[in-house]
Protein backbone atom coordinates (compact mmCIF):
# COMPACT_ATOMS: atom_id res chain seq x y z
CA UNK A 1 -27.53 21.33 85.67
CA UNK A 2 -30.74 21.60 87.61
CA UNK A 3 -33.72 20.24 85.67
CA UNK A 4 -36.61 22.56 84.84
CA UNK A 5 -34.86 25.93 85.26
CA UNK A 6 -33.22 26.33 81.85
CA UNK A 7 -35.00 27.53 78.70
CA UNK A 8 -35.44 25.13 75.79
CA UNK A 9 -32.39 25.05 73.50
CA UNK A 10 -33.12 24.08 69.93
CA UNK A 11 -32.76 24.92 66.24
CA UNK A 12 -33.85 28.43 65.21
CA UNK A 13 -33.57 30.30 61.91
CA UNK A 14 -32.32 33.89 62.15
CA UNK A 15 -33.36 35.97 59.14
CA UNK A 16 -31.55 39.23 58.37
CA UNK A 17 -34.00 41.63 56.74
CA UNK A 18 -31.31 44.08 55.56
CA UNK A 19 -29.24 41.50 53.65
CA UNK A 20 -32.10 39.16 52.77
CA UNK A 21 -30.21 36.18 54.17
CA UNK A 22 -30.94 33.57 56.80
CA UNK A 23 -28.98 31.02 58.80
CA UNK A 24 -29.93 28.05 60.93
CA UNK A 25 -28.38 27.72 64.37
CA UNK A 26 -29.31 26.62 67.88
CA UNK A 27 -30.61 29.12 70.39
CA UNK A 28 -32.91 29.65 73.35
CA UNK A 29 -34.76 32.37 71.41
CA UNK A 30 -38.43 31.69 70.75
CA UNK A 31 -40.64 32.91 67.94
CA UNK A 32 -44.29 32.63 66.93
CA UNK A 33 -43.48 32.58 63.20
CA UNK A 34 -42.07 29.51 61.46
CA UNK A 35 -40.28 28.91 58.17
CA UNK A 36 -39.64 25.84 56.07
CA UNK A 37 -35.88 25.45 55.77
CA UNK A 38 -33.84 23.98 52.89
CA UNK A 39 -33.82 20.53 54.53
CA UNK A 40 -37.64 20.36 54.45
CA UNK A 41 -38.11 20.82 58.20
CA UNK A 42 -40.05 23.68 59.78
CA UNK A 43 -38.22 25.86 62.32
CA UNK A 44 -39.10 28.98 64.31
CA UNK A 45 -37.81 32.14 62.63
CA UNK A 46 -36.47 35.25 64.37
CA UNK A 47 -36.19 38.41 62.25
CA UNK A 48 -33.15 40.57 63.04
CA UNK A 49 -32.24 44.04 61.81
CA UNK A 50 -28.54 43.38 61.36
CA UNK A 51 -26.25 40.36 61.33
CA UNK A 52 -22.81 39.47 60.04
CA UNK A 53 -24.28 39.42 56.51
CA UNK A 54 -25.17 43.13 56.64
CA UNK A 55 -22.96 44.71 59.32
CA UNK A 56 -20.49 47.22 57.79
CA UNK A 57 -17.53 45.86 59.75
CA UNK A 58 -18.11 42.28 58.59
CA UNK A 59 -18.89 43.18 54.98
CA UNK A 60 -15.82 45.41 54.59
CA UNK A 61 -17.75 48.61 53.94
CA UNK A 62 -16.87 50.23 57.25
CA UNK A 63 -15.31 53.68 57.11
CA UNK A 64 -11.79 53.97 58.49
CA UNK A 65 -11.25 57.01 60.69
CA UNK A 66 -8.16 59.11 60.15
CA UNK A 67 -6.78 58.74 63.66
CA UNK A 68 -3.22 59.72 62.74
CA UNK A 69 -4.41 63.01 61.30
CA UNK A 70 -6.47 63.70 64.39
CA UNK A 71 -3.50 63.14 66.70
CA UNK A 72 -1.30 65.43 64.63
CA UNK A 73 -3.99 68.11 64.56
CA UNK A 74 -4.36 67.84 68.36
CA UNK A 75 -0.59 68.19 68.85
CA UNK A 76 -0.45 71.22 66.53
CA UNK A 77 -3.36 72.88 68.27
CA UNK A 78 -2.40 72.22 71.90
CA UNK A 79 1.31 71.50 71.64
CA UNK A 80 3.20 68.41 72.61
CA UNK A 81 3.63 67.88 76.33
CA UNK A 82 7.16 67.25 77.64
CA UNK A 83 6.05 64.24 79.70
CA UNK A 84 6.56 60.82 78.09
């Protein structure tokens, strides 16, 4: 890698406001705010609106669409074509 052209890569805390949870990872994201983490060290903190802790798909609260019913309704309405 060429020196001097890549952003700094270091530990950052991402805090999910919706789920009131946070996780420590490494990233190139920068932040002006800092937080003291569980290990006693201070890290930059990035506030996010949604993460795996609050996303409906990851939490299991996602709504399942009735795709089979939609296909059947389409076939009833417009008929089944003879081409397979």
